């Protein structure tokens, strides 16, 4: 059964139960923050942020704003999927993550030429995105272990049928 914050009432817990819940929450948080995909998403964000810092303000706004936005989406969407334990939410968040990672990768093609971002940074980002894709593919394979929670996708995109 998935964790439901609305049902949680720590007032009714014994000190031992409260300690157990806090330990479980701490372990979940540590698992998330130590997960290779989360760590790689964080690396990607820091690389894009560093790239943006090499540019003048006008170039930064012109070329880097959308890249920073995409880089910022990866870790939170992963965290949301991991916390949900829902096949549907995992699929939805994975699709969003894939879109933003693909956007970042495609944007690197002309980034050095158009913006003046050092070529070394572009190479590092492309390598990080390739690594992210491999970790992502391994993570998505774990979705088959999630239960079908019976959420109907009104758009028909995420259906196990």
Protein backbone atom coordinates (compact mmCIF):
# COMPACT_ATOMS: atom_id res chain seq x y z
CA UNK A 1 0.00 0.00 0.00
CA UNK A 2 1.29 3.47 -0.88
CA UNK A 3 2.12 5.99 1.81
CA UNK A 4 -0.65 8.56 2.24
CA UNK A 5 0.35 11.70 4.16
CA UNK A 6 -3.29 12.63 4.77
CA UNK A 7 -3.86 9.43 6.77
CA UNK A 8 -0.74 9.89 8.88
CA UNK A 9 -1.33 11.07 12.43
CA UNK A 10 1.82 11.02 14.49
CA UNK A 11 -0.13 11.97 17.64
CA UNK A 12 -1.52 8.43 17.79
CA UNK A 13 1.89 6.76 17.51
CA UNK A 14 3.94 5.39 20.32
CA UNK A 15 7.51 6.68 20.58
CA UNK A 16 8.73 3.41 19.03
CA UNK A 17 6.30 3.68 16.12
CA UNK A 18 7.23 7.32 15.57
CA UNK A 19 10.91 6.38 15.55
CA UNK A 20 10.25 3.58 13.04
CA UNK A 21 8.33 5.94 10.72
CA UNK A 22 11.05 8.57 10.93
CA UNK A 23 13.72 5.92 10.21
CA UNK A 24 11.78 4.64 7.19
CA UNK A 25 11.37 8.16 5.83
CA UNK A 26 15.07 8.89 6.36
CA UNK A 27 16.02 5.64 4.58
CA UNK A 28 13.74 6.49 1.64
CA UNK A 29 15.30 9.94 1.36
CA UNK A 30 18.81 8.46 1.49
CA UNK A 31 17.92 5.85 -1.17
CA UNK A 32 16.64 8.63 -3.41
CA UNK A 33 19.62 10.93 -2.93
CA UNK A 34 22.08 8.08 -3.47
CA UNK A 35 20.35 6.63 -6.53
CA UNK A 36 22.65 6.81 -9.58
CA UNK A 37 19.95 8.40 -11.75
CA UNK A 38 19.27 11.13 -9.19
CA UNK A 39 22.99 11.78 -8.83
CA UNK A 40 23.42 11.98 -12.61
CA UNK A 41 20.46 14.37 -12.91
CA UNK A 42 22.12 16.56 -10.29
CA UNK A 43 25.42 16.46 -12.21
CA UNK A 44 23.62 17.50 -15.39
CA UNK A 45 22.02 20.45 -13.65
CA UNK A 46 25.36 21.59 -12.22
CA UNK A 47 27.05 21.25 -15.61
CA UNK A 48 24.35 23.30 -17.35
CA UNK A 49 24.49 25.88 -14.57
CA UNK A 50 28.28 26.11 -14.88
CA UNK A 51 27.93 26.46 -18.65
CA UNK A 52 25.52 29.34 -18.18
CA UNK A 53 27.96 31.08 -15.84
CA UNK A 54 30.54 31.24 -18.66
CA UNK A 55 28.28 33.52 -20.71
CA UNK A 56 27.41 37.19 -20.57
CA UNK A 57 23.94 38.00 -19.20
CA UNK A 58 22.38 38.57 -22.64
CA UNK A 59 23.71 35.28 -24.05
CA UNK A 60 22.71 33.50 -20.87
CA UNK A 61 19.11 34.64 -21.23
CA UNK A 62 19.03 33.88 -24.95
CA UNK A 63 20.60 30.42 -24.92
CA UNK A 64 20.62 29.00 -21.44
CA UNK A 65 17.26 29.76 -19.83
CA UNK A 66 15.41 26.86 -21.47
CA UNK A 67 18.38 24.54 -20.93
CA UNK A 68 18.44 25.37 -17.23
CA UNK A 69 14.70 24.79 -17.02
CA UNK A 70 15.07 21.37 -18.63
CA UNK A 71 18.02 20.46 -16.42
CA UNK A 72 16.01 21.47 -13.34
CA UNK A 73 13.18 19.07 -14.25
CA UNK A 74 15.17 15.83 -14.14
CA UNK A 75 15.82 15.27 -10.42
CA UNK A 76 12.40 16.44 -9.10
CA UNK A 77 10.48 14.30 -11.60
CA UNK A 78 12.60 11.32 -10.63
CA UNK A 79 11.99 12.03 -6.93
CA UNK A 80 8.25 12.26 -7.53
CA UNK A 81 8.21 8.98 -9.39
CA UNK A 82 10.22 7.20 -6.72
CA UNK A 83 8.01 8.52 -3.94
CA UNK A 84 4.78 7.57 -5.71
CA UNK A 85 5.32 3.81 -6.11
CA UNK A 86 2.70 4.19 -8.86
CA UNK A 87 3.21 2.74 -12.33
CA UNK A 88 1.18 5.55 -13.90
CA UNK A 89 3.04 8.35 -12.12
CA UNK A 90 6.38 6.69 -12.89
CA UNK A 91 5.47 6.48 -16.57
CA UNK A 92 4.26 10.08 -16.68
CA UNK A 93 7.36 11.41 -14.95
CA UNK A 94 9.65 9.22 -17.03
CA UNK A 95 8.12 10.65 -20.21
CA UNK A 96 8.71 14.19 -18.95
CA UNK A 97 12.27 13.34 -17.96
CA UNK A 98 12.97 11.78 -21.34
CA UNK A 99 11.63 14.86 -23.13
CA UNK A 100 13.85 17.23 -21.15
CA UNK A 101 16.94 15.04 -21.46
CA UNK A 102 16.40 14.74 -25.24
CA UNK A 103 15.91 18.50 -25.47
CA UNK A 104 19.18 19.09 -23.64
CA UNK A 105 21.03 16.63 -25.88
CA UNK A 106 19.62 18.09 -29.09
CA UNK A 107 20.44 21.61 -27.91
CA UNK A 108 24.11 20.78 -27.52
CA UNK A 109 24.55 20.40 -31.28
CA UNK A 110 24.91 24.10 -31.98
CA UNK A 111 25.44 25.41 -28.45
CA UNK A 112 29.17 25.99 -28.74
CA UNK A 113 28.89 27.72 -32.11
CA UNK A 114 25.87 29.87 -31.29
CA UNK A 115 26.58 30.89 -27.72
CA UNK A 116 30.27 30.71 -27.06
CA UNK A 117 29.95 28.04 -24.38
CA UNK A 118 33.35 26.34 -24.18
CA UNK A 119 33.40 23.15 -26.24
CA UNK A 120 34.74 21.15 -23.30
CA UNK A 121 31.54 21.85 -21.34
CA UNK A 122 29.41 20.75 -24.26
CA UNK A 123 31.34 17.48 -24.49
CA UNK A 124 30.96 16.89 -20.76
CA UNK A 125 27.21 17.55 -20.95
CA UNK A 126 26.76 15.18 -23.91
CA UNK A 127 28.64 12.44 -22.04
CA UNK A 128 26.56 13.01 -18.90
CA UNK A 129 23.36 12.83 -20.95
CA UNK A 130 24.45 9.56 -22.58
CA UNK A 131 25.18 8.14 -19.13
CA UNK A 132 21.82 9.46 -17.90
CA UNK A 133 20.06 7.67 -20.77
CA UNK A 134 21.62 4.33 -19.81
CA UNK A 135 20.71 4.76 -16.14
CA UNK A 136 17.23 5.87 -17.19
CA UNK A 137 16.71 2.77 -19.33
CA UNK A 138 17.69 0.52 -16.41
CA UNK A 139 15.34 2.42 -14.08
CA UNK A 140 12.38 2.17 -16.47
CA UNK A 141 12.82 -1.62 -16.59
CA UNK A 142 11.98 -1.69 -12.86
CA UNK A 143 8.47 -0.34 -13.56
CA UNK A 144 7.23 -3.81 -14.48
CA UNK A 145 7.51 -4.68 -10.78
CA UNK A 146 5.04 -1.97 -9.79
CA UNK A 147 1.43 -2.90 -9.19
CA UNK A 148 -1.30 -1.66 -11.47
CA UNK A 149 -3.06 0.72 -9.13
CA UNK A 150 -6.08 0.99 -11.38
CA UNK A 151 -5.68 4.67 -12.27
CA UNK A 152 -7.38 5.27 -15.58
CA UNK A 153 -5.44 7.51 -17.95
CA UNK A 154 -8.18 9.56 -19.60
CA UNK A 155 -5.83 10.37 -22.47
CA UNK A 156 -5.03 6.70 -23.11
CA UNK A 157 -1.30 7.26 -23.25
CA UNK A 158 -0.27 5.26 -20.18
CA UNK A 159 -2.25 2.08 -20.26
CA UNK A 160 -1.04 -1.40 -19.45
CA UNK A 161 -3.55 -3.04 -21.78
